[in-house]
PDB file of N, CA and C in Angstrom:
ATOM      1  N   MET A   1       0.826  -1.176   0.000  1.00  0.00           N
ATOM      2  CA  MET A   1       0.000   0.000   0.000  1.00  0.00           C
ATOM      3  C   MET A   1       0.880   1.253   0.000  1.00  0.00           C
ATOM      4  N   SER A   2       0.485   2.201  -0.851  1.00  0.00           N
ATOM      5  CA  SER A   2       1.294   3.413  -0.984  1.00  0.00           C
ATOM      6  C   SER A   2       0.857   4.442   0.065  1.00  0.00           C
ATOM      7  N   LYS A   3       1.825   5.206   0.539  1.00  0.00           N
ATOM      8  CA  LYS A   3       1.454   6.226   1.529  1.00  0.00           C
ATOM      9  C   LYS A   3       1.253   7.606   0.905  1.00  0.00           C
ATOM     10  N   THR A   4       1.526   7.769  -0.409  1.00  0.00           N
ATOM     11  CA  THR A   4       1.265   9.045  -1.095  1.00  0.00           C
ATOM     12  C   THR A   4       0.295   8.806  -2.240  1.00  0.00           C
ATOM     13  N   LYS A   5      -0.437   9.895  -2.609  1.00  0.00           N
ATOM     14  CA  LYS A   5      -1.390   9.781  -3.723  1.00  0.00           C
ATOM     15  C   LYS A   5      -0.641   9.710  -5.044  1.00  0.00           C
ATOM     16  N   GLN A   6      -1.328   9.227  -6.035  1.00  0.00           N
ATOM     17  CA  GLN A   6      -0.738   9.129  -7.356  1.00  0.00           C
ATOM     18  C   GLN A   6      -0.512  10.539  -7.928  1.00  0.00           C
ATOM     19  N   GLY A   7       0.610  10.795  -8.557  1.00  0.00           N
ATOM     20  CA  GLY A   7       0.911  12.107  -9.140  1.00  0.00           C
ATOM     21  C   GLY A   7       0.658  12.118 -10.626  1.00  0.00           C
ATOM     22  N   GLY A   8       0.653  13.304 -11.200  1.00  0.00           N
ATOM     23  CA  GLY A   8       0.594  13.417 -12.654  1.00  0.00           C
ATOM     24  C   GLY A   8      -0.748  13.769 -13.240  1.00  0.00           C
ATOM     25  N   SER A   9      -1.816  13.803 -12.487  1.00  0.00           N
ATOM     26  CA  SER A   9      -3.108  14.169 -13.070  1.00  0.00           C
ATOM     27  C   SER A   9      -3.581  15.477 -12.441  1.00  0.00           C
ATOM     28  N   SER A  10      -3.092  16.561 -12.973  1.00  0.00           N
ATOM     29  CA  SER A  10      -3.439  17.879 -12.441  1.00  0.00           C
ATOM     30  C   SER A  10      -4.759  18.355 -13.024  1.00  0.00           C
ATOM     31  N   ARG A  11      -5.594  18.965 -12.209  1.00  0.00           N
ATOM     32  CA  ARG A  11      -6.861  19.517 -12.687  1.00  0.00           C
ATOM     33  C   ARG A  11      -6.715  20.978 -13.109  1.00  0.00           C
ATOM     34  N   LEU A  12      -5.588  21.593 -12.785  1.00  0.00           N
ATOM     35  CA  LEU A  12      -5.421  23.023 -13.034  1.00  0.00           C
ATOM     36  C   LEU A  12      -4.634  23.329 -14.303  1.00  0.00           C
ATOM     37  N   GLY A  13      -4.425  22.373 -15.166  1.00  0.00           N
ATOM     38  CA  GLY A  13      -3.559  22.548 -16.315  1.00  0.00           C
ATOM     39  C   GLY A  13      -4.175  23.211 -17.525  1.00  0.00           C
ATOM     40  N   ARG A  14      -5.431  23.655 -17.444  1.00  0.00           N
ATOM     41  CA  ARG A  14      -6.073  24.270 -18.614  1.00  0.00           C
ATOM     42  C   ARG A  14      -5.701  25.742 -18.716  1.00  0.00           C
ATOM     43  N   ASP A  15      -5.631  26.241 -19.943  1.00  0.00           N
ATOM     44  CA  ASP A  15      -5.334  27.654 -20.164  1.00  0.00           C
ATOM     45  C   ASP A  15      -6.242  28.150 -21.282  1.00  0.00           C
ATOM     46  N   SER A  16      -6.845  29.307 -21.093  1.00  0.00           N
ATOM     47  CA  SER A  16      -7.774  29.825 -22.093  1.00  0.00           C
ATOM     48  C   SER A  16      -7.038  30.705 -23.109  1.00  0.00           C
ATOM     49  N   MET A  17      -7.641  30.845 -24.277  1.00  0.00           N
ATOM     50  CA  MET A  17      -7.080  31.690 -25.327  1.00  0.00           C
ATOM     51  C   MET A  17      -7.221  33.159 -24.915  1.00  0.00           C
ATOM     52  N   SER A  18      -6.239  33.975 -25.284  1.00  0.00           N
ATOM     53  CA  SER A  18      -6.328  35.401 -24.991  1.00  0.00           C
ATOM     54  C   SER A  18      -7.400  36.023 -25.874  1.00  0.00           C
ATOM     55  N   GLN A  19      -7.989  37.134 -25.435  1.00  0.00           N
ATOM     56  CA  GLN A  19      -9.109  37.725 -26.161  1.00  0.00           C
ATOM     57  C   GLN A  19      -8.686  38.692 -27.253  1.00  0.00           C
ATOM     58  N   ARG A  20      -7.431  39.119 -27.255  1.00  0.00           N
ATOM     59  CA  ARG A  20      -6.876  40.011 -28.282  1.00  0.00           C
ATOM     60  C   ARG A  20      -7.673  41.314 -28.412  1.00  0.00           C
ATOM     61  N   LEU A  21      -7.866  41.967 -27.268  1.00  0.00           N
ATOM     62  CA  LEU A  21      -8.587  43.228 -27.231  1.00  0.00           C
ATOM     63  C   LEU A  21      -7.623  44.387 -27.427  1.00  0.00           C
ATOM     64  N   GLY A  22      -8.150  45.571 -27.676  1.00  0.00           N
ATOM     65  CA  GLY A  22      -7.325  46.769 -27.763  1.00  0.00           C
ATOM     66  C   GLY A  22      -7.538  47.537 -29.049  1.00  0.00           C
ATOM     67  N   ILE A  23      -6.689  48.538 -29.269  1.00  0.00           N
ATOM     68  CA  ILE A  23      -6.787  49.399 -30.443  1.00  0.00           C
ATOM     69  C   ILE A  23      -6.105  48.704 -31.616  1.00  0.00           C
ATOM     70  N   LYS A  24      -6.821  48.578 -32.717  1.00  0.00           N
ATOM     71  CA  LYS A  24      -6.305  47.902 -33.909  1.00  0.00           C
ATOM     72  C   LYS A  24      -5.853  48.885 -34.983  1.00  0.00           C
ATOM     73  N   ALA A  25      -6.337  50.124 -34.939  1.00  0.00           N
ATOM     74  CA  ALA A  25      -5.914  51.164 -35.883  1.00  0.00           C
ATOM     75  C   ALA A  25      -5.644  52.436 -35.082  1.00  0.00           C
ATOM     76  N   CYS A  26      -4.442  52.968 -35.200  1.00  0.00           N
ATOM     77  CA  CYS A  26      -4.029  54.141 -34.422  1.00  0.00           C
ATOM     78  C   CYS A  26      -4.537  55.437 -35.065  1.00  0.00           C
ATOM     79  N   ALA A  27      -4.417  56.534 -34.319  1.00  0.00           N
ATOM     80  CA  ALA A  27      -4.824  57.849 -34.817  1.00  0.00           C
ATOM     81  C   ALA A  27      -3.954  58.231 -36.010  1.00  0.00           C
ATOM     82  N   GLY A  28      -4.579  58.756 -37.058  1.00  0.00           N
ATOM     83  CA  GLY A  28      -3.861  59.141 -38.265  1.00  0.00           C
ATOM     84  C   GLY A  28      -3.703  58.020 -39.265  1.00  0.00           C
ATOM     85  N   GLN A  29      -4.104  56.812 -38.899  1.00  0.00           N
ATOM     86  CA  GLN A  29      -3.977  55.661 -39.795  1.00  0.00           C
ATOM     87  C   GLN A  29      -5.189  55.597 -40.712  1.00  0.00           C
ATOM     88  N   GLU A  30      -4.968  55.201 -41.958  1.00  0.00           N
ATOM     89  CA  GLU A  30      -6.038  55.094 -42.925  1.00  0.00           C
ATOM     90  C   GLU A  30      -6.745  53.749 -42.784  1.00  0.00           C
ATOM     91  N   VAL A  31      -8.086  53.764 -42.812  1.00  0.00           N
ATOM     92  CA  VAL A  31      -8.869  52.529 -42.714  1.00  0.00           C
ATOM     93  C   VAL A  31      -9.854  52.461 -43.876  1.00  0.00           C
ATOM     94  N   LYS A  32     -10.263  51.240 -44.210  1.00  0.00           N
ATOM     95  CA  LYS A  32     -11.269  51.020 -45.237  1.00  0.00           C
ATOM     96  C   LYS A  32     -12.605  50.717 -44.555  1.00  0.00           C
ATOM     97  N   THR A  33     -13.672  50.709 -45.321  1.00  0.00           N
ATOM     98  CA  THR A  33     -14.996  50.405 -44.796  1.00  0.00           C
ATOM     99  C   THR A  33     -15.021  49.002 -44.182  1.00  0.00           C
ATOM    100  N   GLY A  34     -15.539  48.899 -42.970  1.00  0.00           N
ATOM    101  CA  GLY A  34     -15.672  47.606 -42.295  1.00  0.00           C
ATOM    102  C   GLY A  34     -14.483  47.194 -41.457  1.00  0.00           C
ATOM    103  N   MET A  35     -13.384  47.931 -41.522  1.00  0.00           N
ATOM    104  CA  MET A  35     -12.206  47.559 -40.729  1.00  0.00           C
ATOM    105  C   MET A  35     -12.439  47.834 -39.246  1.00  0.00           C
ATOM    106  N   ILE A  36     -11.941  46.934 -38.409  1.00  0.00           N
ATOM    107  CA  ILE A  36     -12.073  47.083 -36.962  1.00  0.00           C
ATOM    108  C   ILE A  36     -11.051  48.099 -36.470  1.00  0.00           C
ATOM    109  N   ILE A  37     -11.519  49.042 -35.647  1.00  0.00           N
ATOM    110  CA  ILE A  37     -10.645  50.068 -35.090  1.00  0.00           C
ATOM    111  C   ILE A  37     -10.299  49.735 -33.639  1.00  0.00           C
ATOM    112  N   VAL A  38     -11.316  49.374 -32.833  1.00  0.00           N
ATOM    113  CA  VAL A  38     -11.099  49.046 -31.414  1.00  0.00           C
ATOM    114  C   VAL A  38     -11.907  47.812 -31.055  1.00  0.00           C
ATOM    115  N   ARG A  39     -11.263  46.860 -30.370  1.00  0.00           N
ATOM    116  CA  ARG A  39     -11.974  45.723 -29.768  1.00  0.00           C
ATOM    117  C   ARG A  39     -11.953  45.952 -28.273  1.00  0.00           C
ATOM    118  N   GLN A  40     -13.132  45.886 -27.623  1.00  0.00           N
ATOM    119  CA  GLN A  40     -13.214  46.224 -26.205  1.00  0.00           C
ATOM    120  C   GLN A  40     -14.329  45.450 -25.525  1.00  0.00           C
ATOM    121  N   ARG A  41     -14.289  45.442 -24.207  1.00  0.00           N
ATOM    122  CA  ARG A  41     -15.369  44.903 -23.387  1.00  0.00           C
ATOM    123  C   ARG A  41     -15.962  46.085 -22.639  1.00  0.00           C
ATOM    124  N   GLY A  42     -17.220  46.396 -22.902  1.00  0.00           N
ATOM    125  CA  GLY A  42     -17.803  47.616 -22.370  1.00  0.00           C
ATOM    126  C   GLY A  42     -17.440  48.768 -23.282  1.00  0.00           C
ATOM    127  N   THR A  43     -17.949  49.956 -23.004  1.00  0.00           N
ATOM    128  CA  THR A  43     -17.676  51.090 -23.879  1.00  0.00           C
ATOM    129  C   THR A  43     -16.604  51.992 -23.284  1.00  0.00           C
ATOM    130  N   LYS A  44     -15.371  51.537 -23.329  1.00  0.00           N
ATOM    131  CA  LYS A  44     -14.231  52.348 -22.917  1.00  0.00           C
ATOM    132  C   LYS A  44     -14.043  53.483 -23.925  1.00  0.00           C
ATOM    133  N   TYR A  45     -14.238  53.184 -25.195  1.00  0.00           N
ATOM    134  CA  TYR A  45     -14.236  54.164 -26.279  1.00  0.00           C
ATOM    135  C   TYR A  45     -15.655  54.206 -26.829  1.00  0.00           C
ATOM    136  N   ILE A  46     -16.147  55.391 -27.179  1.00  0.00           N
ATOM    137  CA  ILE A  46     -17.492  55.484 -27.738  1.00  0.00           C
ATOM    138  C   ILE A  46     -17.410  55.896 -29.207  1.00  0.00           C
ATOM    139  N   PRO A  47     -18.379  55.479 -30.026  1.00  0.00           N
ATOM    140  CA  PRO A  47     -18.314  55.774 -31.457  1.00  0.00           C
ATOM    141  C   PRO A  47     -18.673  57.225 -31.775  1.00  0.00           C
ATOM    142  N   GLY A  48     -17.968  57.791 -32.749  1.00  0.00           N
ATOM    143  CA  GLY A  48     -18.236  59.148 -33.227  1.00  0.00           C
ATOM    144  C   GLY A  48     -18.767  59.084 -34.651  1.00  0.00           C
ATOM    145  N   LYS A  49     -18.280  59.982 -35.512  1.00  0.00           N
ATOM    146  CA  LYS A  49     -18.752  60.040 -36.901  1.00  0.00           C
ATOM    147  C   LYS A  49     -18.125  58.933 -37.740  1.00  0.00           C
ATOM    148  N   ASN A  50     -18.942  58.357 -38.614  1.00  0.00           N
ATOM    149  CA  ASN A  50     -18.534  57.344 -39.598  1.00  0.00           C
ATOM    150  C   ASN A  50     -18.026  56.046 -38.977  1.00  0.00           C
ATOM    151  N   VAL A  51     -18.392  55.768 -37.726  1.00  0.00           N
ATOM    152  CA  VAL A  51     -18.077  54.481 -37.100  1.00  0.00           C
ATOM    153  C   VAL A  51     -19.325  53.941 -36.418  1.00  0.00           C
ATOM    154  N   LYS A  52     -19.368  52.632 -36.212  1.00  0.00           N
ATOM    155  CA  LYS A  52     -20.497  51.980 -35.545  1.00  0.00           C
ATOM    156  C   LYS A  52     -19.993  51.094 -34.429  1.00  0.00           C
ATOM    157  N   LEU A  53     -20.886  50.774 -33.492  1.00  0.00           N
ATOM    158  CA  LEU A  53     -20.596  49.913 -32.360  1.00  0.00           C
ATOM    159  C   LEU A  53     -21.233  48.554 -32.616  1.00  0.00           C
ATOM    160  N   GLY A  54     -20.428  47.488 -32.615  1.00  0.00           N
ATOM    161  CA  GLY A  54     -20.935  46.144 -32.831  1.00  0.00           C
ATOM    162  C   GLY A  54     -21.587  45.581 -31.582  1.00  0.00           C
ATOM    163  N   SER A  55     -22.161  44.400 -31.684  1.00  0.00           N
ATOM    164  CA  SER A  55     -22.866  43.787 -30.561  1.00  0.00           C
ATOM    165  C   SER A  55     -21.935  43.403 -29.416  1.00  0.00           C
ATOM    166  N   ASP A  56     -20.652  43.186 -29.712  1.00  0.00           N
ATOM    167  CA  ASP A  56     -19.675  42.884 -28.654  1.00  0.00           C
ATOM    168  C   ASP A  56     -18.831  44.113 -28.314  1.00  0.00           C
ATOM    169  N   ASP A  57     -19.387  45.316 -28.563  1.00  0.00           N
ATOM    170  CA  ASP A  57     -18.758  46.619 -28.284  1.00  0.00           C
ATOM    171  C   ASP A  57     -17.536  46.908 -29.149  1.00  0.00           C
ATOM    172  N   THR A  58     -17.385  46.194 -30.252  1.00  0.00           N
ATOM    173  CA  THR A  58     -16.305  46.469 -31.196  1.00  0.00           C
ATOM    174  C   THR A  58     -16.664  47.701 -32.024  1.00  0.00           C
ATOM    175  N   ILE A  59     -15.708  48.612 -32.193  1.00  0.00           N
ATOM    176  CA  ILE A  59     -15.929  49.804 -33.015  1.00  0.00           C
ATOM    177  C   ILE A  59     -15.298  49.564 -34.382  1.00  0.00           C
ATOM    178  N   TYR A  60     -16.084  49.755 -35.446  1.00  0.00           N
ATOM    179  CA  TYR A  60     -15.592  49.520 -36.797  1.00  0.00           C
ATOM    180  C   TYR A  60     -15.998  50.671 -37.717  1.00  0.00           C
ATOM    181  N   ALA A  61     -15.253  50.833 -38.817  1.00  0.00           N
ATOM    182  CA  ALA A  61     -15.448  51.951 -39.738  1.00  0.00           C
ATOM    183  C   ALA A  61     -16.631  51.709 -40.675  1.00  0.00           C
ATOM    184  N   MET A  62     -17.456  52.743 -40.849  1.00  0.00           N
ATOM    185  CA  MET A  62     -18.566  52.682 -41.804  1.00  0.00           C
ATOM    186  C   MET A  62     -18.169  53.276 -43.157  1.00  0.00           C
ATOM    187  N   LYS A  63     -17.151  54.136 -43.149  1.00  0.00           N
ATOM    188  CA  LYS A  63     -16.626  54.733 -44.378  1.00  0.00           C
ATOM    189  C   LYS A  63     -15.112  54.705 -44.305  1.00  0.00           C
ATOM    190  N   GLY A  64     -14.477  54.719 -45.451  1.00  0.00           N
ATOM    191  CA  GLY A  64     -13.028  54.782 -45.496  1.00  0.00           C
ATOM    192  C   GLY A  64     -12.533  56.174 -45.132  1.00  0.00           C
ATOM    193  N   GLY A  65     -11.355  56.249 -44.541  1.00  0.00           N
ATOM    194  CA  GLY A  65     -10.797  57.545 -44.173  1.00  0.00           C
ATOM    195  C   GLY A  65      -9.698  57.409 -43.139  1.00  0.00           C
ATOM    196  N   VAL A  66      -9.487  58.467 -42.364  1.00  0.00           N
ATOM    197  CA  VAL A  66      -8.417  58.535 -41.374  1.00  0.00           C
ATOM    198  C   VAL A  66      -9.016  58.464 -39.970  1.00  0.00           C
ATOM    199  N   VAL A  67      -8.437  57.631 -39.118  1.00  0.00           N
ATOM    200  CA  VAL A  67      -8.920  57.450 -37.744  1.00  0.00           C
ATOM    201  C   VAL A  67      -8.527  58.653 -36.895  1.00  0.00           C
ATOM    202  N   ARG A  68      -9.462  59.057 -36.032  1.00  0.00           N
ATOM    203  CA  ARG A  68      -9.207  60.179 -35.125  1.00  0.00           C
ATOM    204  C   ARG A  68      -9.745  59.848 -33.736  1.00  0.00           C
ATOM    205  N   PHE A  69      -8.962  60.152 -32.691  1.00  0.00           N
ATOM    206  CA  PHE A  69      -9.371  59.949 -31.303  1.00  0.00           C
ATOM    207  C   PHE A  69      -9.507  61.315 -30.642  1.00  0.00           C
ATOM    208  N   ASP A  70     -10.627  61.564 -29.972  1.00  0.00           N
ATOM    209  CA  ASP A  70     -10.861  62.810 -29.253  1.00  0.00           C
ATOM    210  C   ASP A  70     -11.302  62.488 -27.830  1.00  0.00           C
ATOM    211  N   ALA A  71     -11.115  63.447 -26.919  1.00  0.00           N
ATOM    212  CA  ALA A  71     -11.587  63.309 -25.543  1.00  0.00           C
ATOM    213  C   ALA A  71     -12.569  64.436 -25.252  1.00  0.00           C
ATOM    214  N   LYS A  72     -13.630  64.118 -24.516  1.00  0.00           N
ATOM    215  CA  LYS A  72     -14.672  65.093 -24.235  1.00  0.00           C
ATOM    216  C   LYS A  72     -15.322  64.756 -22.899  1.00  0.00           C
ATOM    217  N   ARG A  73     -15.754  65.751 -22.172  1.00  0.00           N
ATOM    218  CA  ARG A  73     -16.466  65.506 -20.914  1.00  0.00           C
ATOM    219  C   ARG A  73     -17.926  65.214 -21.222  1.00  0.00           C
ATOM    220  N   LYS A  74     -18.458  64.156 -20.596  1.00  0.00           N
ATOM    221  CA  LYS A  74     -19.845  63.774 -20.811  1.00  0.00           C
ATOM    222  C   LYS A  74     -20.554  63.792 -19.465  1.00  0.00           C
ATOM    223  N   LYS A  75     -21.729  64.419 -19.422  1.00  0.00           N
ATOM    224  CA  LYS A  75     -22.502  64.481 -18.190  1.00  0.00           C
ATOM    225  C   LYS A  75     -23.334  63.201 -18.077  1.00  0.00           C
ATOM    226  N   LEU A  76     -23.256  62.542 -16.920  1.00  0.00           N
ATOM    227  CA  LEU A  76     -23.997  61.309 -16.683  1.00  0.00           C
ATOM    228  C   LEU A  76     -25.358  61.613 -16.069  1.00  0.00           C
ATOM    229  N   PHE A  77     -26.200  60.594 -15.940  1.00  0.00           N
ATOM    230  CA  PHE A  77     -27.560  60.773 -15.441  1.00  0.00           C
ATOM    231  C   PHE A  77     -27.609  61.211 -13.983  1.00  0.00           C
ATOM    232  N   ASP A  78     -26.605  60.851 -13.197  1.00  0.00           N
ATOM    233  CA  ASP A  78     -26.598  61.237 -11.786  1.00  0.00           C
ATOM    234  C   ASP A  78     -25.979  62.617 -11.569  1.00  0.00           C
ATOM    235  N   GLY A  79     -25.666  63.345 -12.643  1.00  0.00           N
ATOM    236  CA  GLY A  79     -25.125  64.690 -12.532  1.00  0.00           C
ATOM    237  C   GLY A  79     -23.607  64.751 -12.547  1.00  0.00           C
ATOM    238  N   SER A  80     -22.944  63.604 -12.367  1.00  0.00           N
ATOM    239  CA  SER A  80     -21.483  63.593 -12.385  1.00  0.00           C
ATOM    240  C   SER A  80     -20.979  63.645 -13.831  1.00  0.00           C
ATOM    241  N   GLN A  81     -19.685  63.894 -13.979  1.00  0.00           N
ATOM    242  CA  GLN A  81     -19.094  63.970 -15.308  1.00  0.00           C
ATOM    243  C   GLN A  81     -18.037  62.892 -15.475  1.00  0.00           C
ATOM    244  N   ARG A  82     -17.838  62.493 -16.734  1.00  0.00           N
ATOM    245  CA  ARG A  82     -16.852  61.463 -17.060  1.00  0.00           C
ATOM    246  C   ARG A  82     -16.130  61.885 -18.338  1.00  0.00           C
ATOM    247  N   LEU A  83     -14.845  61.651 -18.386  1.00  0.00           N
ATOM    248  CA  LEU A  83     -14.078  61.932 -19.595  1.00  0.00           C
ATOM    249  C   LEU A  83     -14.224  60.736 -20.533  1.00  0.00           C
ATOM    250  N   VAL A  84     -14.827  60.955 -21.699  1.00  0.00           N
ATOM    251  CA  VAL A  84     -15.028  59.866 -22.649  1.00  0.00           C
ATOM    252  C   VAL A  84     -14.073  60.037 -23.819  1.00  0.00           C
ATOM    253  N   ARG A  85     -13.652  58.909 -24.387  1.00  0.00           N
ATOM    254  CA  ARG A  85     -12.788  58.924 -25.564  1.00  0.00           C
ATOM    255  C   ARG A  85     -13.629  58.554 -26.775  1.00  0.00           C
ATOM    256  N   ILE A  86     -13.634  59.426 -27.751  1.00  0.00           N
ATOM    257  CA  ILE A  86     -14.480  59.264 -28.935  1.00  0.00           C
ATOM    258  C   ILE A  86     -13.608  58.869 -30.117  1.00  0.00           C
ATOM    259  N   VAL A  87     -14.037  57.832 -30.838  1.00  0.00           N
ATOM    260  CA  VAL A  87     -13.336  57.361 -32.031  1.00  0.00           C
ATOM    261  C   VAL A  87     -14.170  57.758 -33.240  1.00  0.00           C
ATOM    262  N   SER A  88     -13.546  58.407 -34.217  1.00  0.00           N
ATOM    263  CA  SER A  88     -14.255  58.784 -35.433  1.00  0.00           C
ATOM    264  C   SER A  88     -13.341  58.575 -36.639  1.00  0.00           C
ATOM    265  N   VAL A  89     -13.963  58.566 -37.825  1.00  0.00           N
ATOM    266  CA  VAL A  89     -13.214  58.423 -39.080  1.00  0.00           C
ATOM    267  C   VAL A  89     -13.554  59.632 -39.936  1.00  0.00           C
ATOM    268  N   GLN A  90     -12.523  60.354 -40.367  1.00  0.00           N
ATOM    269  CA  GLN A  90     -12.703  61.496 -41.267  1.00  0.00           C
ATOM    270  C   GLN A  90     -12.411  61.042 -42.693  1.00  0.00           C
ATOM    271  N   PRO A  91     -13.347  61.277 -43.601  1.00  0.00           N
ATOM    272  CA  PRO A  91     -13.103  60.880 -44.992  1.00  0.00           C
ATOM    273  C   PRO A  91     -11.891  61.611 -45.570  1.00  0.00           C
ATOM    274  N   GLY A  92     -11.123  60.904 -46.370  1.00  0.00           N
ATOM    275  CA  GLY A  92      -9.940  61.499 -46.997  1.00  0.00           C
ATOM    276  C   GLY A  92      -8.714  60.651 -46.784  1.00  0.00           C
ATOM    277  N   LYS A  93      -7.612  61.108 -47.283  1.00  0.00           N
ATOM    278  CA  LYS A  93      -6.333  60.388 -47.197  1.00  0.00           C
ATOM    279  C   LYS A  93      -5.511  60.894 -46.032  1.00  0.00           C
ATOM    280  N   ALA A  94      -4.634  60.029 -45.516  1.00  0.00           N
ATOM    281  CA  ALA A  94      -3.715  60.416 -44.441  1.00  0.00           C
ATOM    282  C   ALA A  94      -2.626  61.323 -45.005  1.00  0.00           C
ATOM    283  N   LYS A  95      -2.206  62.307 -44.206  1.00  0.00           N
ATOM    284  CA  LYS A  95      -1.167  63.243 -44.661  1.00  0.00           C
ATOM    285  C   LYS A  95       0.211  62.718 -44.348  1.00  0.00           C
TER     286      LYS A  95
END
């Protein structure tokens, strides 16, 4: 009879795939229609002109152009303010 348990069958050995979130197109970069600009969980960045928000909060371009990031204060329902980052696409070529 053995006095130690059998080794080698670990239950903690699983590892999940990374989600690959973050900014995919930087400010000043040219994008085409449908290209993903930001992958996020929740609305850390909010959509501006010529971009849309997907069902998983992904921001993607509706028109081709140059990516632009802006910051603006937004008033919340409870009266407090929050600094929001707005992603937009301006039609035209990058300089």
